[in-house]
Amino acid sequence: MTDKNWSQEEIDGIKERIIQALEQVIDPELGIDIVNLGLVYEVELENNGHCIVKMTLTTMGCPLADVITDQIMTALKDVPEVTKSEVQLVWYPAWTTDRMSRYARIALGIR
């Protein structure tokens, strides 16, 4: 596959659609999507359509890591510009409830 010459505006639009797709990935234990939980740290998009999602989990030994990763891969298939996807789990900075959106805090009753 040849590289695309996307403009920054096009890349920003694709990344927005990637984030929207990731909002469909629900943490099975908490019932809130991974974006609003603040688990997604970064989304990279290469010119060949390779998408790298850098994220963390609420706990290092989370037994649902594979489930969430599989859901991410499925969700990214809905973004036509993404030709390949990869999830990189990172543990720094450590996740805290401070990373959660206002929506997630209200939904979980956290102030």
C-alpha atoms as a PDB file:
ATOM      1  CA  MET A   1       0.000   0.000   0.000  1.00  0.00           C
ATOM      2  CA  THR A   2       1.274   3.446  -0.815  1.00  0.00           C
ATOM      3  CA  ASP A   3       1.477   6.226   1.699  1.00  0.00           C
ATOM      4  CA  LYS A   4      -1.241   8.863   1.690  1.00  0.00           C
ATOM      5  CA  ASN A   5      -0.428  12.529   1.616  1.00  0.00           C
ATOM      6  CA  TRP A   6      -3.072  13.628   4.069  1.00  0.00           C
ATOM      7  CA  SER A   7      -3.200  17.262   5.085  1.00  0.00           C
ATOM      8  CA  GLN A   8      -3.083  18.069   8.792  1.00  0.00           C
ATOM      9  CA  GLU A   9      -6.786  18.899   8.577  1.00  0.00           C
ATOM     10  CA  GLU A  10      -7.523  15.461   7.098  1.00  0.00           C
ATOM     11  CA  ILE A  11      -5.406  13.750   9.768  1.00  0.00           C
ATOM     12  CA  ASP A  12      -7.234  15.650  12.501  1.00  0.00           C
ATOM     13  CA  GLY A  13     -10.587  14.577  11.027  1.00  0.00           C
ATOM     14  CA  ILE A  14      -9.531  10.936  10.819  1.00  0.00           C
ATOM     15  CA  LYS A  15      -8.226  11.024  14.390  1.00  0.00           C
ATOM     16  CA  GLU A  16     -11.563  12.485  15.521  1.00  0.00           C
ATOM     17  CA  ARG A  17     -13.366   9.562  13.874  1.00  0.00           C
ATOM     18  CA  ILE A  18     -10.916   7.176  15.550  1.00  0.00           C
ATOM     19  CA  ILE A  19     -11.727   8.722  18.941  1.00  0.00           C
ATOM     20  CA  GLN A  20     -15.452   8.424  18.174  1.00  0.00           C
ATOM     21  CA  ALA A  21     -14.935   4.742  17.335  1.00  0.00           C
ATOM     22  CA  LEU A  22     -13.019   4.253  20.598  1.00  0.00           C
ATOM     23  CA  GLU A  23     -15.931   5.809  22.508  1.00  0.00           C
ATOM     24  CA  GLN A  24     -17.863   2.692  21.520  1.00  0.00           C
ATOM     25  CA  VAL A  25     -15.427   0.505  23.492  1.00  0.00           C
ATOM     26  CA  ILE A  26     -16.944   0.026  26.929  1.00  0.00           C
ATOM     27  CA  ASP A  27     -14.942  -1.082  29.957  1.00  0.00           C
ATOM     28  CA  PRO A  28     -16.913  -4.203  30.979  1.00  0.00           C
ATOM     29  CA  GLU A  29     -16.363  -3.663  34.703  1.00  0.00           C
ATOM     30  CA  LEU A  30     -17.201   0.042  34.884  1.00  0.00           C
ATOM     31  CA  GLY A  31     -19.714   0.357  32.024  1.00  0.00           C
ATOM     32  CA  ILE A  32     -18.090   3.557  30.710  1.00  0.00           C
ATOM     33  CA  ASP A  33     -16.183   3.944  27.452  1.00  0.00           C
ATOM     34  CA  ILE A  34     -12.384   3.957  27.485  1.00  0.00           C
ATOM     35  CA  VAL A  35     -12.142   7.523  26.165  1.00  0.00           C
ATOM     36  CA  ASN A  36     -14.258   9.076  28.931  1.00  0.00           C
ATOM     37  CA  LEU A  37     -12.454   6.942  31.499  1.00  0.00           C
ATOM     38  CA  GLY A  38      -9.240   8.626  30.362  1.00  0.00           C
ATOM     39  CA  LEU A  39      -7.584   5.340  29.416  1.00  0.00           C
ATOM     40  CA  VAL A  40      -6.593   6.507  25.916  1.00  0.00           C
ATOM     41  CA  TYR A  41      -3.394   8.535  26.146  1.00  0.00           C
ATOM     42  CA  GLU A  42      -2.563   9.050  22.477  1.00  0.00           C
ATOM     43  CA  VAL A  43      -3.689   8.137  18.979  1.00  0.00           C
ATOM     44  CA  GLU A  44      -1.063   8.065  16.236  1.00  0.00           C
ATOM     45  CA  LEU A  45      -1.905   7.748  12.557  1.00  0.00           C
ATOM     46  CA  GLU A  46       0.801   7.006  10.034  1.00  0.00           C
ATOM     47  CA  ASN A  47       0.501   7.923   6.353  1.00  0.00           C
ATOM     48  CA  ASN A  48       0.022   4.262   5.436  1.00  0.00           C
ATOM     49  CA  GLY A  49      -3.142   4.044   7.577  1.00  0.00           C
ATOM     50  CA  HIS A  50      -1.440   2.305  10.519  1.00  0.00           C
ATOM     51  CA  CYS A  51      -3.151   3.456  13.712  1.00  0.00           C
ATOM     52  CA  ILE A  52      -1.444   3.100  17.075  1.00  0.00           C
ATOM     53  CA  VAL A  53      -3.550   3.562  20.199  1.00  0.00           C
ATOM     54  CA  LYS A  54      -1.482   4.197  23.309  1.00  0.00           C
ATOM     55  CA  MET A  55      -3.546   3.516  26.372  1.00  0.00           C
ATOM     56  CA  THR A  56      -3.479   2.244  29.899  1.00  0.00           C
ATOM     57  CA  LEU A  57      -5.807   0.223  32.078  1.00  0.00           C
ATOM     58  CA  THR A  58      -7.264   1.060  35.458  1.00  0.00           C
ATOM     59  CA  THR A  59      -5.032  -1.593  37.049  1.00  0.00           C
ATOM     60  CA  MET A  60      -1.842  -3.253  35.839  1.00  0.00           C
ATOM     61  CA  GLY A  61      -3.225  -6.772  36.286  1.00  0.00           C
ATOM     62  CA  CYS A  62      -6.574  -6.043  34.629  1.00  0.00           C
ATOM     63  CA  PRO A  63      -8.005  -9.417  33.559  1.00  0.00           C
ATOM     64  CA  LEU A  64      -9.994  -7.768  30.761  1.00  0.00           C
ATOM     65  CA  ALA A  65      -7.033  -6.363  28.808  1.00  0.00           C
ATOM     66  CA  ASP A  66      -7.514  -8.837  25.941  1.00  0.00           C
ATOM     67  CA  VAL A  67     -11.260  -8.165  25.781  1.00  0.00           C
ATOM     68  CA  ILE A  68     -10.736  -4.411  25.601  1.00  0.00           C
ATOM     69  CA  THR A  69      -7.950  -4.769  23.010  1.00  0.00           C
ATOM     70  CA  ASP A  70     -10.183  -6.971  20.843  1.00  0.00           C
ATOM     71  CA  GLN A  71     -13.007  -4.422  21.113  1.00  0.00           C
ATOM     72  CA  ILE A  72     -10.617  -1.648  20.028  1.00  0.00           C
ATOM     73  CA  MET A  73      -9.511  -3.617  16.966  1.00  0.00           C
ATOM     74  CA  THR A  74     -13.151  -4.236  16.032  1.00  0.00           C
ATOM     75  CA  ALA A  75     -14.119  -0.571  16.545  1.00  0.00           C
ATOM     76  CA  LEU A  76     -11.244   0.692  14.381  1.00  0.00           C
ATOM     77  CA  LYS A  77     -12.455  -1.418  11.454  1.00  0.00           C
ATOM     78  CA  ASP A  78     -15.275   1.151  11.126  1.00  0.00           C
ATOM     79  CA  VAL A  79     -12.763   3.872  10.207  1.00  0.00           C
ATOM     80  CA  PRO A  80     -12.002   3.289   6.512  1.00  0.00           C
ATOM     81  CA  GLU A  81      -8.660   5.111   6.525  1.00  0.00           C
ATOM     82  CA  VAL A  82      -7.292   2.748   9.186  1.00  0.00           C
ATOM     83  CA  THR A  83      -5.616  -0.135   7.361  1.00  0.00           C
ATOM     84  CA  LYS A  84      -3.839  -1.648  10.367  1.00  0.00           C
ATOM     85  CA  SER A  85      -4.291  -1.109  14.075  1.00  0.00           C
ATOM     86  CA  GLU A  86      -2.145  -1.679  17.113  1.00  0.00           C
ATOM     87  CA  VAL A  87      -2.742  -1.186  20.829  1.00  0.00           C
ATOM     88  CA  GLN A  88       0.223  -0.303  23.018  1.00  0.00           C
ATOM     89  CA  LEU A  89      -0.355  -0.566  26.746  1.00  0.00           C
ATOM     90  CA  VAL A  90       1.600   2.000  28.738  1.00  0.00           C
ATOM     91  CA  TRP A  91       1.792   2.393  32.478  1.00  0.00           C
ATOM     92  CA  TYR A  92       3.212   5.899  32.732  1.00  0.00           C
ATOM     93  CA  PRO A  93       1.756   8.166  33.683  1.00  0.00           C
ATOM     94  CA  ALA A  94      -0.263   5.942  35.954  1.00  0.00           C
ATOM     95  CA  TRP A  95      -4.013   6.186  35.491  1.00  0.00           C
ATOM     96  CA  THR A  96      -5.997   7.957  38.204  1.00  0.00           C
ATOM     97  CA  THR A  97      -9.604   9.055  38.423  1.00  0.00           C
ATOM     98  CA  ASP A  98      -8.359  12.587  37.651  1.00  0.00           C
ATOM     99  CA  ARG A  99      -8.098  11.495  33.983  1.00  0.00           C
ATOM    100  CA  MET A 100     -11.831  10.772  33.793  1.00  0.00           C
ATOM    101  CA  SER A 101     -14.183  13.129  31.970  1.00  0.00           C
ATOM    102  CA  ARG A 102     -16.931  14.960  33.809  1.00  0.00           C
ATOM    103  CA  TYR A 103     -19.420  12.567  32.199  1.00  0.00           C
ATOM    104  CA  ALA A 104     -17.599   9.504  33.576  1.00  0.00           C
ATOM    105  CA  ARG A 105     -17.294  11.053  37.037  1.00  0.00           C
ATOM    106  CA  ILE A 106     -21.020  11.785  37.181  1.00  0.00           C
ATOM    107  CA  ALA A 107     -21.917   8.326  35.844  1.00  0.00           C
ATOM    108  CA  LEU A 108     -19.764   6.642  38.484  1.00  0.00           C
ATOM    109  CA  GLY A 109     -20.660   9.045  41.299  1.00  0.00           C
ATOM    110  CA  ILE A 110     -17.099  10.338  41.729  1.00  0.00           C
ATOM    111  CA  ARG A 111     -16.420  13.942  42.657  1.00  0.00           C
END
